[in-house]
């Protein structure tokens, strides 16, 4: 297809000049833009991830492309969740010592204690993360509280406690105004307004039995919210409306699919921004396609390298990138087409790079019998383009959809792919 410029790539492998020339030729109908070859990150020393091996009291490092074990980077007492934050450092909770520790986000070199035990009442830290208000949020499983700190580790306040249903606070994640927190003890994901501390919603499947003890939590490249359900051995997905509300979408990874058992951390990353799941019950890291949920394989097998009761997984610093398409209105173009303006909202930041690049990678259409080159107007592939026109004249008799993909790259050569879909109902 004309607009399928690259598929499942880590970075462009043609020069910018050649890429622009091929794109221009394709738009003139002279050729189809070729797919770039998959670029392995095996030789990129930055393309790795950290695993918190709780049972062996270690933080381990693996290559994200091959799953190769690279070694133990630190001895930590009962490490749990971790997060990349300011300074592009790794902030690692140590449940055994009641601390949050700080390491270099690329090498794992130890930098010291970030938050000590007892600071603000911290005793049993779970996940540290960084809110849109510039504060550090740390859950505490002993007090069932969410504590807040400044970026230099000074205690600010108790953001939330068990009175709001926050029992066993595990992983939390943020958008521009809201915090989503996996409350493992009450089997829900609670949504809080960061600025008012008010609960705005509770994410629960229609059948509550489908999500039991959520632990891992992540906003995916398509803007949906993904929750690892430890006791059902699955990953559940919710939509978000950007206004503090969520709705059940589906079970993205069915119970036991691929051998998943007792999932803890879930992350999108690696060469294709796929879903990585720490399967604590099998001491493995498993990968699933970020769009379809198809099981791709075992990424890392801790049974061979000493990983034990793994909890957290965090990739080395890379762009945090989400995109959301909106249909704005009709375009007045005579003929049989029904073009509409489409705008793609996006969120992009990177703790290691103040200005990562992001470009439109591809536009695809689900009905393969039509020529997508005649259904897309003013889309600039290979450019940071978030506004174009799409044809909604769907005569197939069934609902179709556009898939719009972007890729963001930081100065370390690490990328994140983000995808959004636009539904096209039949006419």
Protein backbone atom coordinates (compact mmCIF):
# COMPACT_ATOMS: atom_id res chain seq x y z
CA UNK A 1 0.00 0.00 0.00
CA UNK A 2 1.19 3.46 -0.86
CA UNK A 3 1.18 4.93 2.62
CA UNK A 4 2.61 1.86 4.32
CA UNK A 5 6.07 3.38 4.40
CA UNK A 6 7.64 1.29 7.12
CA UNK A 7 6.39 -1.62 9.15
CA UNK A 8 7.82 -3.01 12.37
CA UNK A 9 10.98 -0.95 12.16
CA UNK A 10 13.19 0.43 14.84
CA UNK A 11 14.51 3.36 12.81
CA UNK A 12 14.65 4.46 9.20
CA UNK A 13 17.42 2.77 7.24
CA UNK A 14 17.37 5.02 4.19
CA UNK A 15 18.81 8.52 4.13
CA UNK A 16 16.47 11.43 4.73
CA UNK A 17 17.05 12.70 1.18
CA UNK A 18 16.31 9.32 -0.37
CA UNK A 19 13.30 8.88 1.87
CA UNK A 20 11.83 12.22 0.79
CA UNK A 21 12.47 11.47 -2.88
CA UNK A 22 10.79 8.06 -2.70
CA UNK A 23 7.84 9.54 -0.87
CA UNK A 24 7.42 12.26 -3.49
CA UNK A 25 7.59 9.68 -6.28
CA UNK A 26 4.98 7.56 -4.56
CA UNK A 27 2.62 10.50 -4.14
CA UNK A 28 2.89 11.08 -7.88
CA UNK A 29 1.97 7.47 -8.52
CA UNK A 30 5.44 6.59 -9.81
CA UNK A 31 6.21 3.86 -7.30
CA UNK A 32 5.26 2.38 -3.98
CA UNK A 33 7.42 3.47 -1.07
CA UNK A 34 9.49 0.43 -0.03
CA UNK A 35 9.46 -0.92 3.48
CA UNK A 36 12.61 -0.24 5.41
CA UNK A 37 14.47 -3.25 6.71
CA UNK A 38 14.14 -4.10 10.38
CA UNK A 39 17.00 -2.45 12.24
CA UNK A 40 18.24 -4.58 15.12
CA UNK A 41 19.30 -2.84 18.32
CA UNK A 42 21.65 -5.61 19.36
CA UNK A 43 24.62 -3.32 18.75
CA UNK A 44 23.11 -0.28 20.46
CA UNK A 45 24.53 -0.26 24.00
CA UNK A 46 21.59 1.86 25.15
CA UNK A 47 18.86 -0.57 24.07
CA UNK A 48 18.31 -2.49 27.29
CA UNK A 49 15.89 -2.95 30.16
CA UNK A 50 16.18 -3.48 33.90
CA UNK A 51 14.47 -6.29 35.82
CA UNK A 52 13.79 -6.19 39.56
CA UNK A 53 14.52 -9.75 40.69
CA UNK A 54 12.77 -9.71 44.04
CA UNK A 55 13.62 -13.26 45.05
CA UNK A 56 17.37 -12.88 44.46
CA UNK A 57 17.61 -9.27 45.76
CA UNK A 58 19.10 -8.04 42.50
CA UNK A 59 18.52 -5.58 39.70
CA UNK A 60 19.42 -7.24 36.40
CA UNK A 61 19.95 -5.90 32.89
CA UNK A 62 18.86 -7.48 29.59
CA UNK A 63 19.23 -6.51 25.95
CA UNK A 64 15.79 -5.53 24.68
CA UNK A 65 16.28 -6.86 21.15
CA UNK A 66 17.73 -10.28 21.91
CA UNK A 67 16.69 -10.88 25.53
CA UNK A 68 20.33 -11.61 26.34
CA UNK A 69 21.20 -11.39 30.03
CA UNK A 70 23.83 -8.67 30.46
CA UNK A 71 24.50 -9.08 34.16
CA UNK A 72 23.57 -7.95 37.65
CA UNK A 73 23.88 -4.18 38.02
CA UNK A 74 23.06 -3.87 41.73
CA UNK A 75 22.24 -5.74 44.91
CA UNK A 76 18.94 -4.37 46.26
CA UNK A 77 16.86 -5.67 49.15
CA UNK A 78 13.58 -7.01 47.70
CA UNK A 79 13.42 -4.71 44.65
CA UNK A 80 9.96 -4.09 43.23
CA UNK A 81 8.85 -1.47 40.70
CA UNK A 82 11.05 1.16 39.07
CA UNK A 83 10.71 4.13 36.75
CA UNK A 84 12.85 6.42 34.61
CA UNK A 85 12.69 9.99 35.90
CA UNK A 86 14.54 13.32 36.09
CA UNK A 87 18.15 13.17 35.04
CA UNK A 88 17.29 10.10 32.94
CA UNK A 89 17.93 8.06 36.09
CA UNK A 90 16.33 4.82 37.25
CA UNK A 91 14.33 5.21 40.46
CA UNK A 92 14.03 1.79 42.11
CA UNK A 93 11.85 0.88 45.09
CA UNK A 94 13.49 -1.46 47.60
CA UNK A 95 10.72 -3.02 49.69
CA UNK A 96 13.20 -4.81 51.93
CA UNK A 97 14.96 -1.65 53.10
CA UNK A 98 11.94 0.67 52.78
CA UNK A 99 13.77 3.03 50.42
CA UNK A 100 13.67 4.43 46.91
CA UNK A 101 17.13 4.21 45.36
CA UNK A 102 18.59 6.03 42.39
CA UNK A 103 20.70 4.54 39.57
CA UNK A 104 21.99 5.72 36.22
CA UNK A 105 19.21 5.00 33.71
CA UNK A 106 21.58 3.62 31.09
CA UNK A 107 24.35 1.83 32.98
CA UNK A 108 22.68 1.03 36.29
CA UNK A 109 25.50 2.70 38.24
CA UNK A 110 24.39 3.42 41.81
CA UNK A 111 23.79 7.10 42.65
CA UNK A 112 22.49 6.87 46.21
CA UNK A 113 19.33 6.89 48.31
CA UNK A 114 16.61 9.10 46.83
CA UNK A 115 13.97 8.66 49.57
CA UNK A 116 14.96 7.02 52.84
CA UNK A 117 12.79 4.80 55.01
CA UNK A 118 10.56 6.81 57.35
CA UNK A 119 10.61 9.94 55.19
CA UNK A 120 6.95 10.97 55.11
CA UNK A 121 6.07 7.66 56.72
CA UNK A 122 7.52 5.56 53.89
CA UNK A 123 7.89 1.96 54.98
CA UNK A 124 6.89 -0.48 52.22
CA UNK A 125 7.43 1.35 48.91
CA UNK A 126 5.89 -0.03 45.75
CA UNK A 127 6.10 2.00 42.54
CA UNK A 128 7.70 5.43 42.19
CA UNK A 129 6.48 7.62 39.34
CA UNK A 130 6.48 11.25 38.25
CA UNK A 131 3.31 13.30 37.94
CA UNK A 132 2.42 16.20 35.65
CA UNK A 133 2.68 18.49 38.70
CA UNK A 134 6.43 17.83 38.89
CA UNK A 135 6.14 15.75 42.06
CA UNK A 136 7.23 12.19 42.78
CA UNK A 137 4.49 9.71 43.73
CA UNK A 138 5.33 6.59 45.75
CA UNK A 139 2.83 3.98 46.90
CA UNK A 140 3.19 2.32 50.31
CA UNK A 141 1.68 -1.13 50.80
CA UNK A 142 1.95 -1.02 54.60
CA UNK A 143 -0.03 2.19 55.08
CA UNK A 144 -2.13 1.93 51.89
CA UNK A 145 -1.16 5.48 51.01
CA UNK A 146 0.10 7.37 48.01
CA UNK A 147 2.87 9.70 49.18
CA UNK A 148 4.23 12.73 47.32
CA UNK A 149 7.75 14.15 47.30
CA UNK A 150 9.66 16.88 45.54
CA UNK A 151 12.20 15.93 42.88
CA UNK A 152 14.96 16.20 45.48
CA UNK A 153 13.20 13.71 47.77
CA UNK A 154 11.54 16.04 50.30
CA UNK A 155 8.17 14.90 51.63
CA UNK A 156 5.16 16.96 50.49
CA UNK A 157 1.95 15.23 51.58
CA UNK A 158 -0.28 12.16 51.53
CA UNK A 159 -2.09 12.30 48.21
CA UNK A 160 -4.54 9.42 48.80
CA UNK A 161 -5.26 6.67 51.31
CA UNK A 162 -7.49 3.66 51.94
CA UNK A 163 -10.56 5.85 52.49
CA UNK A 164 -10.78 6.20 48.70
CA UNK A 165 -10.43 2.45 48.13
CA UNK A 166 -6.65 2.56 47.76
CA UNK A 167 -5.65 -0.79 49.25
CA UNK A 168 -2.37 -2.34 48.08
CA UNK A 169 -1.34 0.52 45.78
CA UNK A 170 0.82 -0.95 43.05
CA UNK A 171 1.76 0.67 39.74
CA UNK A 172 0.52 4.14 38.85
CA UNK A 173 0.67 6.05 35.59
CA UNK A 174 -0.31 9.55 34.49
CA UNK A 175 -1.64 11.67 31.69
CA UNK A 176 -1.68 15.47 31.73
CA UNK A 177 -4.22 15.79 34.55
CA UNK A 178 -4.98 12.39 36.05
CA UNK A 179 -3.31 9.58 37.94
CA UNK A 180 -4.36 5.98 37.34
CA UNK A 181 -3.39 3.60 40.15
CA UNK A 182 -3.75 -0.18 40.36
CA UNK A 183 -5.41 -0.88 43.71
CA UNK A 184 -4.65 -4.57 44.07
CA UNK A 185 -6.57 -4.99 47.31
CA UNK A 186 -9.88 -3.71 45.92
CA UNK A 187 -9.52 -5.07 42.36
CA UNK A 188 -9.84 -1.76 40.58
CA UNK A 189 -7.88 0.96 38.87
CA UNK A 190 -8.70 4.25 40.60
CA UNK A 191 -8.52 7.53 38.69
CA UNK A 192 -7.60 10.69 40.61
CA UNK A 193 -7.47 14.30 39.50
CA UNK A 194 -3.85 15.27 40.21
CA UNK A 195 -4.76 18.89 40.99
CA UNK A 196 -7.79 18.31 43.28
CA UNK A 197 -7.03 14.80 44.63
CA UNK A 198 -10.62 13.83 43.84
CA UNK A 199 -11.56 10.38 42.52
CA UNK A 200 -13.06 10.79 39.06
CA UNK A 201 -13.63 7.14 38.12
CA UNK A 202 -12.97 3.51 38.96
CA UNK A 203 -11.94 1.21 36.13
CA UNK A 204 -13.56 -2.21 36.60
CA UNK A 205 -14.63 -4.77 33.97
CA UNK A 206 -18.38 -5.52 33.62
CA UNK A 207 -17.56 -8.91 35.12
CA UNK A 208 -15.39 -8.01 38.15
CA UNK A 209 -13.94 -11.53 38.13
CA UNK A 210 -12.05 -10.62 34.94
CA UNK A 211 -9.61 -8.40 36.86
CA UNK A 212 -8.29 -9.68 40.16
CA UNK A 213 -5.38 -7.98 41.93
CA UNK A 214 -4.22 -5.56 39.25
CA UNK A 215 -0.52 -4.77 39.65
CA UNK A 216 1.17 -3.59 36.45
CA UNK A 217 -0.33 -0.55 34.74
CA UNK A 218 0.62 1.27 31.55
CA UNK A 219 -0.85 3.73 29.06
CA UNK A 220 -0.21 2.13 25.69
CA UNK A 221 0.99 3.71 22.44
CA UNK A 222 -2.66 4.00 21.32
CA UNK A 223 -3.69 5.87 24.49
CA UNK A 224 -5.58 2.96 26.06
CA UNK A 225 -4.96 1.89 29.65
CA UNK A 226 -3.58 -1.63 30.20
CA UNK A 227 -3.71 -3.43 33.55
CA UNK A 228 -2.00 -6.69 34.44
CA UNK A 229 -4.39 -8.90 36.41
CA UNK A 230 -2.18 -11.08 38.60
CA UNK A 231 -4.75 -13.59 39.82
CA UNK A 232 -6.42 -14.16 36.43
CA UNK A 233 -3.11 -14.35 34.52
CA UNK A 234 -4.25 -11.79 31.97
CA UNK A 235 -4.00 -8.19 30.78
CA UNK A 236 -7.17 -6.09 30.72
CA UNK A 237 -7.65 -2.98 28.58
CA UNK A 238 -9.67 0.21 29.16
CA UNK A 239 -10.29 3.26 27.01
CA UNK A 240 -9.76 6.78 28.41
CA UNK A 241 -11.63 9.95 27.48
CA UNK A 242 -8.96 12.41 28.66
CA UNK A 243 -11.38 13.78 31.24
CA UNK A 244 -10.68 11.36 34.05
CA UNK A 245 -13.00 8.57 32.93
CA UNK A 246 -12.37 5.06 31.69
CA UNK A 247 -14.40 2.26 30.11
CA UNK A 248 -13.71 -1.45 29.75
CA UNK A 249 -12.55 -2.31 26.24
CA UNK A 250 -11.48 -5.96 26.24
CA UNK A 251 -9.20 -8.58 27.69
CA UNK A 252 -6.10 -7.83 25.64
CA UNK A 253 -4.12 -10.88 26.79
CA UNK A 254 -6.50 -13.75 27.70
CA UNK A 255 -5.88 -15.81 30.85
CA UNK A 256 -2.79 -17.97 30.50
CA UNK A 257 -2.18 -17.03 26.86
CA UNK A 258 1.42 -17.76 25.92
CA UNK A 259 1.98 -19.25 29.37
CA UNK A 260 1.56 -15.96 31.25
CA UNK A 261 1.33 -16.54 35.01
CA UNK A 262 0.96 -13.98 37.81
CA UNK A 263 1.83 -10.92 35.68
CA UNK A 264 3.47 -8.01 37.47
CA UNK A 265 5.14 -5.25 35.44
CA UNK A 266 3.77 -4.53 31.97
CA UNK A 267 5.61 -2.18 29.62
CA UNK A 268 5.50 -1.13 25.99
CA UNK A 269 8.97 -0.99 24.47
CA UNK A 270 11.62 -2.80 22.52
CA UNK A 271 12.21 -2.65 18.76
CA UNK A 272 8.52 -2.36 17.87
CA UNK A 273 7.03 -0.91 21.07
CA UNK A 274 5.36 -4.24 21.79
CA UNK A 275 3.95 -5.25 25.16
CA UNK A 276 6.46 -6.80 27.56
CA UNK A 277 4.97 -8.69 30.51
CA UNK A 278 6.86 -9.92 33.54
CA UNK A 279 5.40 -13.37 34.13
CA UNK A 280 6.39 -13.78 37.76
CA UNK A 281 4.94 -17.26 38.02
CA UNK A 282 7.27 -18.58 35.32
CA UNK A 283 10.28 -16.27 35.89
CA UNK A 284 10.06 -15.05 32.31
CA UNK A 285 9.50 -11.92 30.26
CA UNK A 286 6.91 -12.45 27.53
CA UNK A 287 6.09 -10.25 24.56
CA UNK A 288 2.79 -9.56 22.80
CA UNK A 289 2.02 -7.57 19.67
CA UNK A 290 1.14 -4.00 20.65
CA UNK A 291 -1.79 -3.84 18.20
CA UNK A 292 -3.28 -7.36 18.10
CA UNK A 293 -2.15 -8.85 21.41
CA UNK A 294 -0.71 -11.88 19.59
CA UNK A 295 1.83 -13.80 21.65
CA UNK A 296 5.27 -13.24 20.14
CA UNK A 297 7.42 -15.35 22.41
CA UNK A 298 9.54 -15.51 25.54
CA UNK A 299 11.86 -12.52 25.56
CA UNK A 300 13.94 -13.50 28.59
CA UNK A 301 14.03 -16.70 30.64
CA UNK A 302 15.10 -16.11 34.21
CA UNK A 303 15.34 -19.81 34.89
CA UNK A 304 18.67 -19.72 33.04
CA UNK A 305 20.22 -16.64 34.63
CA UNK A 306 18.97 -16.53 38.21
CA UNK A 307 15.98 -14.20 37.88
CA UNK A 308 13.64 -15.03 40.76
CA UNK A 309 10.15 -13.71 41.49
CA UNK A 310 10.66 -10.79 39.13
CA UNK A 311 8.55 -7.72 39.82
CA UNK A 312 9.51 -4.60 37.86
CA UNK A 313 10.66 -4.01 34.29
CA UNK A 314 11.86 -0.62 33.05
CA UNK A 315 13.42 0.26 29.71
CA UNK A 316 16.40 2.57 29.42
CA UNK A 317 15.34 6.19 28.73
CA UNK A 318 13.33 6.71 25.56
CA UNK A 319 10.43 8.87 24.36
CA UNK A 320 7.14 8.61 26.22
CA UNK A 321 4.77 8.95 23.30
CA UNK A 322 0.99 8.58 22.90
CA UNK A 323 -1.27 9.65 20.03
CA UNK A 324 -5.06 10.08 19.76
CA UNK A 325 -6.89 10.78 16.49
CA UNK A 326 -9.92 13.09 16.33
CA UNK A 327 -12.28 13.57 13.38
CA UNK A 328 -12.98 17.31 13.17
CA UNK A 329 -15.34 17.77 10.23
CA UNK A 330 -16.08 17.50 6.52
CA UNK A 331 -13.92 18.69 3.65
CA UNK A 332 -15.71 20.20 0.65
CA UNK A 333 -14.32 18.20 -2.27
CA UNK A 334 -16.61 17.36 -5.23
CA UNK A 335 -16.92 13.74 -6.29
CA UNK A 336 -17.63 10.34 -4.79
CA UNK A 337 -15.34 10.81 -1.81
CA UNK A 338 -16.28 11.88 1.71
CA UNK A 339 -13.12 13.46 3.08
CA UNK A 340 -12.94 14.62 6.68
CA UNK A 341 -10.32 16.57 8.59
CA UNK A 342 -8.40 14.43 11.08
CA UNK A 343 -6.25 15.88 13.85
CA UNK A 344 -3.94 13.72 15.97
CA UNK A 345 -3.36 14.91 19.53
CA UNK A 346 -0.09 13.71 21.00
CA UNK A 347 1.89 13.62 24.22
CA UNK A 348 5.67 13.44 23.87
CA UNK A 349 8.40 13.74 26.47
CA UNK A 350 11.74 12.16 27.24
CA UNK A 351 13.74 12.45 30.47
CA UNK A 352 16.99 12.02 28.53
CA UNK A 353 16.29 14.39 25.63
CA UNK A 354 14.48 17.72 25.80
CA UNK A 355 13.45 17.59 22.14
CA UNK A 356 12.97 14.06 20.74
CA UNK A 357 11.91 13.82 17.10
CA UNK A 358 8.54 12.36 16.10
CA UNK A 359 7.29 11.76 12.57
CA UNK A 360 4.30 10.24 10.80
CA UNK A 361 5.36 6.72 9.85
CA UNK A 362 2.39 5.21 7.99
CA UNK A 363 -1.32 5.35 7.28
CA UNK A 364 -2.99 2.04 6.53
CA UNK A 365 -6.58 0.99 5.83
CA UNK A 366 -8.24 -2.26 6.83
CA UNK A 367 -10.05 -2.83 3.50
CA UNK A 368 -7.25 -4.19 1.31
CA UNK A 369 -9.41 -4.07 -1.84
CA UNK A 370 -9.17 -0.28 -2.11
CA UNK A 371 -6.25 1.98 -3.01
CA UNK A 372 -5.38 3.91 0.13
CA UNK A 373 -3.33 6.38 -1.92
CA UNK A 374 -6.63 7.85 -3.16
CA UNK A 375 -8.11 8.02 0.34
CA UNK A 376 -5.50 10.20 2.06
CA UNK A 377 -4.83 13.87 1.37
CA UNK A 378 -2.07 16.18 2.58
CA UNK A 379 -0.33 13.62 4.80
CA UNK A 380 3.43 14.14 4.96
CA UNK A 381 5.09 10.82 5.66
CA UNK A 382 8.42 11.20 7.44
CA UNK A 383 7.41 14.58 8.85
CA UNK A 384 5.87 15.65 12.20
CA UNK A 385 2.41 15.85 10.60
CA UNK A 386 -0.67 15.68 12.83
CA UNK A 387 -3.28 17.11 10.42
CA UNK A 388 -4.56 15.57 7.17
CA UNK A 389 -7.73 14.40 5.44
CA UNK A 390 -9.10 10.85 5.22
CA UNK A 391 -11.87 9.48 3.00
CA UNK A 392 -14.89 8.11 4.89
CA UNK A 393 -16.74 6.84 1.81
CA UNK A 394 -16.90 3.24 3.00
CA UNK A 395 -18.92 1.12 0.57
CA UNK A 396 -17.68 -2.25 1.81
CA UNK A 397 -20.81 -2.95 3.85
CA UNK A 398 -18.77 -3.45 7.03
CA UNK A 399 -16.98 -1.17 9.46
CA UNK A 400 -13.40 -0.42 8.45
CA UNK A 401 -10.64 1.58 10.11
CA UNK A 402 -7.52 3.59 9.42
CA UNK A 403 -4.37 2.80 11.37
CA UNK A 404 -2.12 5.83 11.81
CA UNK A 405 1.39 5.21 13.12
CA UNK A 406 4.16 7.51 14.33
CA UNK A 407 7.70 6.95 15.54
CA UNK A 408 9.62 9.09 18.05
CA UNK A 409 13.41 8.97 18.38
CA UNK A 410 15.71 10.45 21.02
CA UNK A 411 19.35 11.45 20.82
CA UNK A 412 20.43 8.01 22.07
CA UNK A 413 18.91 6.27 19.06
CA UNK A 414 16.04 4.78 21.08
CA UNK A 415 12.54 4.94 19.69
CA UNK A 416 8.90 4.56 20.61
CA UNK A 417 6.16 3.72 18.14
CA UNK A 418 2.64 5.05 18.72
CA UNK A 419 -0.51 4.07 16.86
CA UNK A 420 -4.06 5.37 16.77
CA UNK A 421 -7.09 4.10 14.86
CA UNK A 422 -10.00 5.89 13.21
CA UNK A 423 -13.20 3.88 12.70
CA UNK A 424 -15.03 4.24 9.38
CA UNK A 425 -18.67 3.04 9.52
CA UNK A 426 -20.32 1.68 6.37
CA UNK A 427 -22.33 4.16 4.30
